[in-house]
Amino acid sequence: MIWGIGEWCALACALCWAIAVILLKRSGESLAPFALNYIKNLLCLLALALTLGVTHGGRWPGMPAGDVLLALFSGTLGIGLADTLYFRALNSIGAARMGVAGTAFSPSVILLAAIFLGERLTLWQLVGVGITIAGIALVTYVKTADHLDARTLRRGALLGVTSVAVMAAGVVIAKPILETQDFLWVVFLRLLGGTAVMSFALLSATRRAALWQAYRGVRHWPYVIAGSLMGTYVSNLFWLAGYKYADASIAAVLNELSAIFIVLLAAWLLHDRLQRRQLVGCGLAVLGVVVVVVARA
């Protein structure tokens, strides 16, 4: 069988994340990245706690202390540190360049999975990964009119690539635990670790006041809540399930298709205009995934 549950979960994650982005866009609100990310994490923690209460009766599964610490550390890296670096890079070089920098995620996961998990891709699979990344870069690249100095551009690009690499490290750390321990508890602990790190930034009364003011300015909470739960709760479950049941290298490539789904859904629901470059990029990305999957047979 070419595709298993892990591959389908990784693909579902990409689609759910794209739907979440469209929901948040349709809300018409512009929450600052930290405020949006923090409320998303809190809502997901609440949803996961309720889910654990229903499915597990709140019972602790008896995970070894070492696995608990690794799950928390994975979330600290992938959600706390990586997001912080990502937002700094976003403010420095802009969304268009960060979209291209994000294509470093798959190569980072593939490299780390090869070093620490012993995963290997065939030559044709590596070719497929390259085609997919090229397609995603075409879809996400947007010409910018700003003129950044070379130092700012280099620093921002380094922060962006580093944030993606740190996120990949968090996933690779979590994969062995996902394969051996209770799935929902690992997801919960990982998010708990990341949210706890973000909470340290709110020790300042000034920052707490600014965050509260940002939330008071939101006029369309239903869209924000729906988008947050879809993007952090549903998508996160599919995301980590993909890494649990499939090779990390394959799951990472399939996750990249979220950029394709976002472009297509935006054209359909938000009436964004599709450019020829984006259509070519979509075709390349799909072709690359087909090569990766067929090469496994």
C-alpha atoms as a PDB file:
ATOM      1  CA  MET A   1       0.000   0.000   0.000  1.00  0.00           C
ATOM      2  CA  ILE A   2       1.491   3.288  -1.093  1.00  0.00           C
ATOM      3  CA  TRP A   3      -0.453   5.546   1.278  1.00  0.00           C
ATOM      4  CA  GLY A   4      -1.230   4.794   4.893  1.00  0.00           C
ATOM      5  CA  ILE A   5      -3.059   6.612   7.680  1.00  0.00           C
ATOM      6  CA  GLY A   6      -0.008   8.756   8.396  1.00  0.00           C
ATOM      7  CA  GLU A   7       0.136  10.185   4.886  1.00  0.00           C
ATOM      8  CA  TRP A   8      -3.595  10.915   4.894  1.00  0.00           C
ATOM      9  CA  CYS A   9      -3.289  12.644   8.295  1.00  0.00           C
ATOM     10  CA  ALA A  10      -0.427  14.815   7.025  1.00  0.00           C
ATOM     11  CA  LEU A  11      -2.500  15.803   3.988  1.00  0.00           C
ATOM     12  CA  ALA A  12      -5.561  16.478   6.177  1.00  0.00           C
ATOM     13  CA  CYS A  13      -3.394  18.680   8.382  1.00  0.00           C
ATOM     14  CA  ALA A  14      -2.427  20.808   5.377  1.00  0.00           C
ATOM     15  CA  LEU A  15      -6.077  21.206   4.358  1.00  0.00           C
ATOM     16  CA  CYS A  16      -7.273  22.021   7.913  1.00  0.00           C
ATOM     17  CA  TRP A  17      -4.557  24.620   8.348  1.00  0.00           C
ATOM     18  CA  ALA A  18      -5.547  26.236   5.038  1.00  0.00           C
ATOM     19  CA  ILE A  19      -9.201  26.352   6.133  1.00  0.00           C
ATOM     20  CA  ALA A  20      -8.109  27.956   9.410  1.00  0.00           C
ATOM     21  CA  VAL A  21      -6.174  30.657   7.572  1.00  0.00           C
ATOM     22  CA  ILE A  22      -9.207  31.458   5.419  1.00  0.00           C
ATOM     23  CA  LEU A  23     -11.468  31.626   8.493  1.00  0.00           C
ATOM     24  CA  LEU A  24      -9.088  34.015  10.218  1.00  0.00           C
ATOM     25  CA  LYS A  25      -8.865  36.151   7.089  1.00  0.00           C
ATOM     26  CA  ARG A  26     -12.640  36.274   6.773  1.00  0.00           C
ATOM     27  CA  SER A  27     -12.905  37.547  10.339  1.00  0.00           C
ATOM     28  CA  GLY A  28     -11.553  40.861   9.074  1.00  0.00           C
ATOM     29  CA  GLU A  29      -9.483  41.231  12.220  1.00  0.00           C
ATOM     30  CA  SER A  30      -5.753  41.878  12.454  1.00  0.00           C
ATOM     31  CA  LEU A  31      -4.630  40.504  15.780  1.00  0.00           C
ATOM     32  CA  ALA A  32      -0.898  40.822  16.345  1.00  0.00           C
ATOM     33  CA  PRO A  33       0.929  37.528  15.748  1.00  0.00           C
ATOM     34  CA  PHE A  34       1.703  36.947  19.444  1.00  0.00           C
ATOM     35  CA  ALA A  35      -1.875  37.684  20.543  1.00  0.00           C
ATOM     36  CA  LEU A  36      -3.334  35.402  17.888  1.00  0.00           C
ATOM     37  CA  ASN A  37      -0.872  32.602  18.562  1.00  0.00           C
ATOM     38  CA  TYR A  38      -1.402  32.805  22.331  1.00  0.00           C
ATOM     39  CA  ILE A  39      -5.195  32.646  22.173  1.00  0.00           C
ATOM     40  CA  LYS A  40      -4.931  29.780  19.658  1.00  0.00           C
ATOM     41  CA  ASN A  41      -2.743  27.826  22.053  1.00  0.00           C
ATOM     42  CA  LEU A  42      -4.998  28.492  25.047  1.00  0.00           C
ATOM     43  CA  LEU A  43      -8.107  27.400  23.142  1.00  0.00           C
ATOM     44  CA  CYS A  44      -6.335  24.252  21.975  1.00  0.00           C
ATOM     45  CA  LEU A  45      -5.201  23.430  25.521  1.00  0.00           C
ATOM     46  CA  LEU A  46      -8.790  23.762  26.718  1.00  0.00           C
ATOM     47  CA  ALA A  47     -10.095  21.605  23.863  1.00  0.00           C
ATOM     48  CA  LEU A  48      -7.428  18.955  24.503  1.00  0.00           C
ATOM     49  CA  ALA A  49      -8.178  18.941  28.236  1.00  0.00           C
ATOM     50  CA  LEU A  50     -11.873  18.365  27.505  1.00  0.00           C
ATOM     51  CA  THR A  51     -10.983  15.651  24.986  1.00  0.00           C
ATOM     52  CA  LEU A  52      -8.748  13.889  27.507  1.00  0.00           C
ATOM     53  CA  GLY A  53     -11.527  14.119  30.069  1.00  0.00           C
ATOM     54  CA  VAL A  54     -13.952  12.398  27.705  1.00  0.00           C
ATOM     55  CA  THR A  55     -11.603   9.795  26.216  1.00  0.00           C
ATOM     56  CA  HIS A  56      -9.364   9.061  29.197  1.00  0.00           C
ATOM     57  CA  GLY A  57     -11.423  10.234  32.159  1.00  0.00           C
ATOM     58  CA  GLY A  58      -8.551  12.559  33.004  1.00  0.00           C
ATOM     59  CA  ARG A  59      -6.408   9.558  33.996  1.00  0.00           C
ATOM     60  CA  TRP A  60      -2.648   9.955  33.691  1.00  0.00           C
ATOM     61  CA  PRO A  61      -1.249   7.220  31.403  1.00  0.00           C
ATOM     62  CA  GLY A  62       1.866   6.661  33.495  1.00  0.00           C
ATOM     63  CA  MET A  63       4.386   8.075  31.044  1.00  0.00           C
ATOM     64  CA  PRO A  64       8.027   7.876  32.186  1.00  0.00           C
ATOM     65  CA  ALA A  65       9.418  11.158  33.492  1.00  0.00           C
ATOM     66  CA  GLY A  66      11.970  11.236  30.679  1.00  0.00           C
ATOM     67  CA  ASP A  67       9.275  11.103  27.999  1.00  0.00           C
ATOM     68  CA  VAL A  68       7.264  13.808  29.770  1.00  0.00           C
ATOM     69  CA  LEU A  69      10.288  16.097  29.819  1.00  0.00           C
ATOM     70  CA  LEU A  70      11.036  15.371  26.155  1.00  0.00           C
ATOM     71  CA  ALA A  71       7.434  16.169  25.165  1.00  0.00           C
ATOM     72  CA  LEU A  72       7.565  19.442  27.101  1.00  0.00           C
ATOM     73  CA  PHE A  73      10.967  20.247  25.585  1.00  0.00           C
ATOM     74  CA  SER A  74       9.656  19.486  22.090  1.00  0.00           C
ATOM     75  CA  GLY A  75       6.837  22.001  22.603  1.00  0.00           C
ATOM     76  CA  THR A  76       9.217  24.538  24.102  1.00  0.00           C
ATOM     77  CA  LEU A  77      11.326  24.350  20.956  1.00  0.00           C
ATOM     78  CA  GLY A  78       8.639  23.994  18.316  1.00  0.00           C
ATOM     79  CA  ILE A  79       5.987  26.310  19.742  1.00  0.00           C
ATOM     80  CA  GLY A  80       7.749  28.648  22.180  1.00  0.00           C
ATOM     81  CA  LEU A  81      11.201  29.329  20.708  1.00  0.00           C
ATOM     82  CA  ALA A  82      10.474  28.651  17.026  1.00  0.00           C
ATOM     83  CA  ASP A  83       7.394  30.898  16.977  1.00  0.00           C
ATOM     84  CA  THR A  84       9.265  33.701  18.727  1.00  0.00           C
ATOM     85  CA  LEU A  85      12.073  33.558  16.168  1.00  0.00           C
ATOM     86  CA  TYR A  86       9.527  33.300  13.359  1.00  0.00           C
ATOM     87  CA  PHE A  87       7.659  36.433  14.437  1.00  0.00           C
ATOM     88  CA  ARG A  88      10.888  38.395  14.765  1.00  0.00           C
ATOM     89  CA  ALA A  89      11.895  37.368  11.265  1.00  0.00           C
ATOM     90  CA  LEU A  90       8.404  38.185   9.980  1.00  0.00           C
ATOM     91  CA  ASN A  91       8.657  41.709  11.344  1.00  0.00           C
ATOM     92  CA  SER A  92      12.155  42.059   9.905  1.00  0.00           C
ATOM     93  CA  ILE A  93      11.829  40.823   6.327  1.00  0.00           C
ATOM     94  CA  GLY A  94       8.061  40.571   5.768  1.00  0.00           C
ATOM     95  CA  ALA A  95       5.594  37.813   4.967  1.00  0.00           C
ATOM     96  CA  ALA A  96       6.622  37.350   1.324  1.00  0.00           C
ATOM     97  CA  ARG A  97      10.224  36.482   2.116  1.00  0.00           C
ATOM     98  CA  MET A  98       9.191  34.387   5.117  1.00  0.00           C
ATOM     99  CA  GLY A  99       6.969  32.343   2.822  1.00  0.00           C
ATOM    100  CA  VAL A 100      10.041  31.395   0.828  1.00  0.00           C
ATOM    101  CA  ALA A 101      12.132  30.839   3.979  1.00  0.00           C
ATOM    102  CA  GLY A 102       9.445  28.423   5.170  1.00  0.00           C
ATOM    103  CA  THR A 103      10.371  26.019   2.385  1.00  0.00           C
ATOM    104  CA  ALA A 104      13.411  25.124   4.510  1.00  0.00           C
ATOM    105  CA  PHE A 105      11.113  23.104   6.797  1.00  0.00           C
ATOM    106  CA  SER A 106      11.035  19.896   4.741  1.00  0.00           C
ATOM    107  CA  PRO A 107      14.807  19.765   4.142  1.00  0.00           C
ATOM    108  CA  SER A 108      15.371  20.420   7.861  1.00  0.00           C
ATOM    109  CA  VAL A 109      13.087  17.549   8.882  1.00  0.00           C
ATOM    110  CA  ILE A 110      14.615  15.230   6.271  1.00  0.00           C
ATOM    111  CA  LEU A 111      18.161  16.025   7.442  1.00  0.00           C
ATOM    112  CA  LEU A 112      17.361  15.679  11.155  1.00  0.00           C
ATOM    113  CA  ALA A 113      15.308  12.519  10.587  1.00  0.00           C
ATOM    114  CA  ALA A 114      18.224  10.994   8.674  1.00  0.00           C
ATOM    115  CA  ILE A 115      20.689  11.867  11.460  1.00  0.00           C
ATOM    116  CA  PHE A 116      18.615  11.009  14.530  1.00  0.00           C
ATOM    117  CA  LEU A 117      15.889   8.613  13.310  1.00  0.00           C
ATOM    118  CA  GLY A 118      17.762   6.736  10.613  1.00  0.00           C
ATOM    119  CA  GLU A 119      15.207   7.596   7.915  1.00  0.00           C
ATOM    120  CA  ARG A 120      16.397   7.521   4.315  1.00  0.00           C
ATOM    121  CA  LEU A 121      14.833   8.797   1.107  1.00  0.00           C
ATOM    122  CA  THR A 122      15.602   7.337  -2.293  1.00  0.00           C
ATOM    123  CA  LEU A 123      17.140   9.502  -5.008  1.00  0.00           C
ATOM    124  CA  TRP A 124      13.785   9.841  -6.755  1.00  0.00           C
ATOM    125  CA  GLN A 125      12.089  10.830  -3.504  1.00  0.00           C
ATOM    126  CA  LEU A 126      14.704  13.543  -2.994  1.00  0.00           C
ATOM    127  CA  VAL A 127      14.005  14.742  -6.540  1.00  0.00           C
ATOM    128  CA  GLY A 128      10.298  14.853  -5.691  1.00  0.00           C
ATOM    129  CA  VAL A 129      11.019  16.851  -2.522  1.00  0.00           C
ATOM    130  CA  GLY A 130      13.024  19.336  -4.572  1.00  0.00           C
ATOM    131  CA  ILE A 131      10.203  19.726  -7.104  1.00  0.00           C
ATOM    132  CA  THR A 132       7.659  20.244  -4.300  1.00  0.00           C
ATOM    133  CA  ILE A 133       9.782  22.883  -2.560  1.00  0.00           C
ATOM    134  CA  ALA A 134      10.313  24.706  -5.864  1.00  0.00           C
ATOM    135  CA  GLY A 135       6.549  24.711  -6.432  1.00  0.00           C
ATOM    136  CA  ILE A 136       5.819  26.034  -2.935  1.00  0.00           C
ATOM    137  CA  ALA A 137       8.431  28.769  -3.414  1.00  0.00           C
ATOM    138  CA  LEU A 138       6.723  29.848  -6.652  1.00  0.00           C
ATOM    139  CA  VAL A 139       3.325  29.938  -4.949  1.00  0.00           C
ATOM    140  CA  THR A 140       4.434  31.879  -1.873  1.00  0.00           C
ATOM    141  CA  TYR A 141       6.938  34.273  -3.441  1.00  0.00           C
ATOM    142  CA  VAL A 142       5.671  37.817  -3.846  1.00  0.00           C
ATOM    143  CA  LYS A 143       7.687  40.718  -5.174  1.00  0.00           C
ATOM    144  CA  THR A 144       8.144  43.383  -2.537  1.00  0.00           C
ATOM    145  CA  ALA A 145       8.689  47.079  -3.079  1.00  0.00           C
ATOM    146  CA  ASP A 146      10.621  47.620   0.154  1.00  0.00           C
ATOM    147  CA  HIS A 147      14.355  48.209   0.101  1.00  0.00           C
ATOM    148  CA  LEU A 148      15.980  46.469   3.036  1.00  0.00           C
ATOM    149  CA  ASP A 149      19.654  46.976   3.693  1.00  0.00           C
ATOM    150  CA  ALA A 150      21.841  43.903   3.250  1.00  0.00           C
ATOM    151  CA  ARG A 151      22.481  43.489   6.990  1.00  0.00           C
ATOM    152  CA  THR A 152      18.779  43.515   7.898  1.00  0.00           C
ATOM    153  CA  LEU A 153      17.985  41.100   5.078  1.00  0.00           C
ATOM    154  CA  ARG A 154      20.729  38.663   6.101  1.00  0.00           C
ATOM    155  CA  ARG A 155      19.748  38.818   9.773  1.00  0.00           C
ATOM    156  CA  GLY A 156      16.045  38.365   9.027  1.00  0.00           C
ATOM    157  CA  ALA A 157      16.671  35.495   6.625  1.00  0.00           C
ATOM    158  CA  LEU A 158      18.903  33.785   9.199  1.00  0.00           C
ATOM    159  CA  LEU A 159      16.213  34.179  11.879  1.00  0.00           C
ATOM    160  CA  GLY A 160      13.579  32.812   9.512  1.00  0.00           C
ATOM    161  CA  VAL A 161      15.531  29.732   8.488  1.00  0.00           C
ATOM    162  CA  THR A 162      16.582  29.158  12.116  1.00  0.00           C
ATOM    163  CA  SER A 163      12.959  29.304  13.283  1.00  0.00           C
ATOM    164  CA  VAL A 164      11.984  26.667  10.721  1.00  0.00           C
ATOM    165  CA  ALA A 165      14.954  24.468  11.675  1.00  0.00           C
ATOM    166  CA  VAL A 166      14.059  24.724  15.387  1.00  0.00           C
ATOM    167  CA  MET A 167      10.448  23.800  14.580  1.00  0.00           C
ATOM    168  CA  ALA A 168      11.719  20.774  12.653  1.00  0.00           C
ATOM    169  CA  ALA A 169      13.906  19.789  15.617  1.00  0.00           C
ATOM    170  CA  GLY A 170      10.871  19.900  17.898  1.00  0.00           C
ATOM    171  CA  VAL A 171       8.982  17.530  15.582  1.00  0.00           C
ATOM    172  CA  VAL A 172      11.872  15.074  15.260  1.00  0.00           C
ATOM    173  CA  ILE A 173      12.276  15.010  19.059  1.00  0.00           C
ATOM    174  CA  ALA A 174       8.567  14.270  19.474  1.00  0.00           C
ATOM    175  CA  LYS A 175       8.339  11.446  16.902  1.00  0.00           C
ATOM    176  CA  PRO A 176       9.822   8.608  19.034  1.00  0.00           C
ATOM    177  CA  ILE A 177       7.553   9.571  21.945  1.00  0.00           C
ATOM    178  CA  LEU A 178       4.513   9.731  19.665  1.00  0.00           C
ATOM    179  CA  GLU A 179       5.228   6.185  18.509  1.00  0.00           C
ATOM    180  CA  THR A 180       5.425   4.702  22.023  1.00  0.00           C
ATOM    181  CA  GLN A 181       3.255   6.831  24.321  1.00  0.00           C
ATOM    182  CA  ASP A 182      -0.380   7.919  24.468  1.00  0.00           C
ATOM    183  CA  PHE A 183      -0.946  10.202  21.491  1.00  0.00           C
ATOM    184  CA  LEU A 184      -3.321  12.767  23.035  1.00  0.00           C
ATOM    185  CA  TRP A 185      -1.218  13.165  26.176  1.00  0.00           C
ATOM    186  CA  VAL A 186       1.917  13.804  24.118  1.00  0.00           C
ATOM    187  CA  VAL A 187       0.067  16.435  22.065  1.00  0.00           C
ATOM    188  CA  PHE A 188      -1.220  18.056  25.265  1.00  0.00           C
ATOM    189  CA  LEU A 189       2.198  18.100  26.963  1.00  0.00           C
ATOM    190  CA  ARG A 190       3.870  19.478  23.870  1.00  0.00           C
ATOM    191  CA  LEU A 191       1.411  22.355  23.613  1.00  0.00           C
ATOM    192  CA  LEU A 192       1.626  22.926  27.367  1.00  0.00           C
ATOM    193  CA  GLY A 193       5.393  23.339  27.140  1.00  0.00           C
ATOM    194  CA  GLY A 194       5.151  25.827  24.283  1.00  0.00           C
ATOM    195  CA  THR A 195       2.373  27.866  25.890  1.00  0.00           C
ATOM    196  CA  ALA A 196       4.227  27.996  29.211  1.00  0.00           C
ATOM    197  CA  VAL A 197       7.236  29.555  27.486  1.00  0.00           C
ATOM    198  CA  MET A 198       5.026  32.157  25.806  1.00  0.00           C
ATOM    199  CA  SER A 199       3.416  32.934  29.166  1.00  0.00           C
ATOM    200  CA  PHE A 200       6.766  34.108  30.534  1.00  0.00           C
ATOM    201  CA  ALA A 201       6.520  37.044  28.131  1.00  0.00           C
ATOM    202  CA  LEU A 202       3.363  38.115  29.983  1.00  0.00           C
ATOM    203  CA  LEU A 203       5.030  38.542  33.386  1.00  0.00           C
ATOM    204  CA  SER A 204       5.208  42.250  32.586  1.00  0.00           C
ATOM    205  CA  ALA A 205       2.001  44.126  33.502  1.00  0.00           C
ATOM    206  CA  THR A 206       2.488  46.338  30.442  1.00  0.00           C
ATOM    207  CA  ARG A 207       2.495  43.351  28.106  1.00  0.00           C
ATOM    208  CA  ARG A 208      -0.552  41.850  29.779  1.00  0.00           C
ATOM    209  CA  ALA A 209      -2.419  45.129  29.382  1.00  0.00           C
ATOM    210  CA  ALA A 210      -1.450  45.337  25.703  1.00  0.00           C
ATOM    211  CA  LEU A 211      -2.631  41.769  25.137  1.00  0.00           C
ATOM    212  CA  TRP A 212      -5.959  42.413  26.848  1.00  0.00           C
ATOM    213  CA  GLN A 213      -6.422  45.566  24.768  1.00  0.00           C
ATOM    214  CA  ALA A 214      -5.775  43.584  21.589  1.00  0.00           C
ATOM    215  CA  TYR A 215      -8.443  41.035  22.536  1.00  0.00           C
ATOM    216  CA  ARG A 216     -10.937  43.751  23.410  1.00  0.00           C
ATOM    217  CA  GLY A 217     -10.588  45.096  19.870  1.00  0.00           C
ATOM    218  CA  VAL A 218     -11.725  41.845  18.239  1.00  0.00           C
ATOM    219  CA  ARG A 219     -15.192  42.184  16.724  1.00  0.00           C
ATOM    220  CA  HIS A 220     -15.680  38.747  15.162  1.00  0.00           C
ATOM    221  CA  TRP A 221     -14.818  36.242  17.853  1.00  0.00           C
ATOM    222  CA  PRO A 222     -16.741  33.340  16.229  1.00  0.00           C
ATOM    223  CA  TYR A 223     -14.418  33.428  13.208  1.00  0.00           C
ATOM    224  CA  VAL A 224     -11.339  33.821  15.399  1.00  0.00           C
ATOM    225  CA  ILE A 225     -12.374  30.940  17.673  1.00  0.00           C
ATOM    226  CA  ALA A 226     -13.357  28.674  14.761  1.00  0.00           C
ATOM    227  CA  GLY A 227     -10.125  29.467  12.908  1.00  0.00           C
ATOM    228  CA  SER A 228      -8.044  28.987  16.033  1.00  0.00           C
ATOM    229  CA  LEU A 229      -9.581  25.613  16.883  1.00  0.00           C
ATOM    230  CA  MET A 230      -9.321  24.417  13.297  1.00  0.00           C
ATOM    231  CA  GLY A 231      -5.734  25.627  13.003  1.00  0.00           C
ATOM    232  CA  THR A 232      -4.421  24.594  16.402  1.00  0.00           C
ATOM    233  CA  TYR A 233      -6.655  21.790  17.684  1.00  0.00           C
ATOM    234  CA  VAL A 234      -7.829  19.838  14.617  1.00  0.00           C
ATOM    235  CA  SER A 235      -4.800  20.631  12.458  1.00  0.00           C
ATOM    236  CA  ASN A 236      -2.381  19.935  15.308  1.00  0.00           C
ATOM    237  CA  LEU A 237      -3.884  16.498  15.918  1.00  0.00           C
ATOM    238  CA  PHE A 238      -3.611  15.598  12.235  1.00  0.00           C
ATOM    239  CA  TRP A 239      -0.113  17.111  12.097  1.00  0.00           C
ATOM    240  CA  LEU A 240       1.334  14.999  14.885  1.00  0.00           C
ATOM    241  CA  ALA A 241      -0.661  11.930  13.813  1.00  0.00           C
ATOM    242  CA  GLY A 242       1.066  12.252  10.460  1.00  0.00           C
ATOM    243  CA  TYR A 243       4.443  12.122  12.166  1.00  0.00           C
ATOM    244  CA  LYS A 244       3.331   9.244  14.387  1.00  0.00           C
ATOM    245  CA  TYR A 245       2.174   6.953  11.574  1.00  0.00           C
ATOM    246  CA  ALA A 246       4.404   8.035   8.661  1.00  0.00           C
ATOM    247  CA  ASP A 247       8.065   8.783   8.154  1.00  0.00           C
ATOM    248  CA  ALA A 248       8.862  12.302   9.330  1.00  0.00           C
ATOM    249  CA  SER A 249      10.405  13.094   5.944  1.00  0.00           C
ATOM    250  CA  ILE A 250       7.226  12.176   4.037  1.00  0.00           C
ATOM    251  CA  ALA A 251       4.878  13.909   6.497  1.00  0.00           C
ATOM    252  CA  ALA A 252       6.913  17.129   6.258  1.00  0.00           C
ATOM    253  CA  VAL A 253       6.608  17.207   2.460  1.00  0.00           C
ATOM    254  CA  LEU A 254       2.841  16.621   2.561  1.00  0.00           C
ATOM    255  CA  ASN A 255       2.423  19.351   5.182  1.00  0.00           C
ATOM    256  CA  GLU A 256       3.945  21.813   2.712  1.00  0.00           C
ATOM    257  CA  LEU A 257       0.819  21.496   0.553  1.00  0.00           C
ATOM    258  CA  SER A 258      -0.996  23.822   2.969  1.00  0.00           C
ATOM    259  CA  ALA A 259       0.353  26.723   0.877  1.00  0.00           C
ATOM    260  CA  ILE A 260      -1.334  25.228  -2.195  1.00  0.00           C
ATOM    261  CA  PHE A 261      -4.649  24.747  -0.375  1.00  0.00           C
ATOM    262  CA  ILE A 262      -4.522  28.322   0.955  1.00  0.00           C
ATOM    263  CA  VAL A 263      -4.043  29.770  -2.529  1.00  0.00           C
ATOM    264  CA  LEU A 264      -6.860  27.645  -4.020  1.00  0.00           C
ATOM    265  CA  LEU A 265      -9.311  28.311  -1.168  1.00  0.00           C
ATOM    266  CA  ALA A 266      -8.524  32.043  -1.255  1.00  0.00           C
ATOM    267  CA  ALA A 267      -9.292  32.086  -4.983  1.00  0.00           C
ATOM    268  CA  TRP A 268     -12.554  30.193  -4.424  1.00  0.00           C
ATOM    269  CA  LEU A 269     -13.893  31.796  -1.242  1.00  0.00           C
ATOM    270  CA  LEU A 270     -12.152  35.184  -1.072  1.00  0.00           C
ATOM    271  CA  HIS A 271     -12.023  35.726  -4.842  1.00  0.00           C
ATOM    272  CA  ASP A 272      -8.278  36.313  -4.823  1.00  0.00           C
ATOM    273  CA  ARG A 273      -6.816  36.355  -8.307  1.00  0.00           C
ATOM    274  CA  LEU A 274      -4.638  33.378  -9.233  1.00  0.00           C
ATOM    275  CA  GLN A 275      -1.471  34.323 -11.079  1.00  0.00           C
ATOM    276  CA  ARG A 276       0.100  32.127 -13.728  1.00  0.00           C
ATOM    277  CA  ARG A 277       3.176  31.704 -11.535  1.00  0.00           C
ATOM    278  CA  GLN A 278       1.002  30.351  -8.715  1.00  0.00           C
ATOM    279  CA  LEU A 279      -0.748  27.890 -11.017  1.00  0.00           C
ATOM    280  CA  VAL A 280       2.612  26.616 -12.243  1.00  0.00           C
ATOM    281  CA  GLY A 281       3.784  26.372  -8.617  1.00  0.00           C
ATOM    282  CA  CYS A 282       0.691  24.372  -7.649  1.00  0.00           C
ATOM    283  CA  GLY A 283       1.300  21.976 -10.501  1.00  0.00           C
ATOM    284  CA  LEU A 284       4.957  21.526  -9.569  1.00  0.00           C
ATOM    285  CA  ALA A 285       4.136  20.933  -5.895  1.00  0.00           C
ATOM    286  CA  VAL A 286       1.556  18.249  -6.718  1.00  0.00           C
ATOM    287  CA  LEU A 287       3.942  16.642  -9.217  1.00  0.00           C
ATOM    288  CA  GLY A 288       6.659  16.558  -6.571  1.00  0.00           C
ATOM    289  CA  VAL A 289       4.372  14.834  -4.068  1.00  0.00           C
ATOM    290  CA  VAL A 290       3.355  12.271  -6.694  1.00  0.00           C
ATOM    291  CA  VAL A 291       7.034  11.523  -7.372  1.00  0.00           C
ATOM    292  CA  VAL A 292       7.736  11.132  -3.643  1.00  0.00           C
ATOM    293  CA  VAL A 293       4.801   8.769  -3.143  1.00  0.00           C
ATOM    294  CA  VAL A 294       5.254   6.697  -6.313  1.00  0.00           C
ATOM    295  CA  ALA A 295       8.968   6.317  -5.584  1.00  0.00           C
ATOM    296  CA  ARG A 296       8.017   4.437  -2.393  1.00  0.00           C
ATOM    297  CA  ALA A 297       6.278   1.661  -4.302  1.00  0.00           C
END
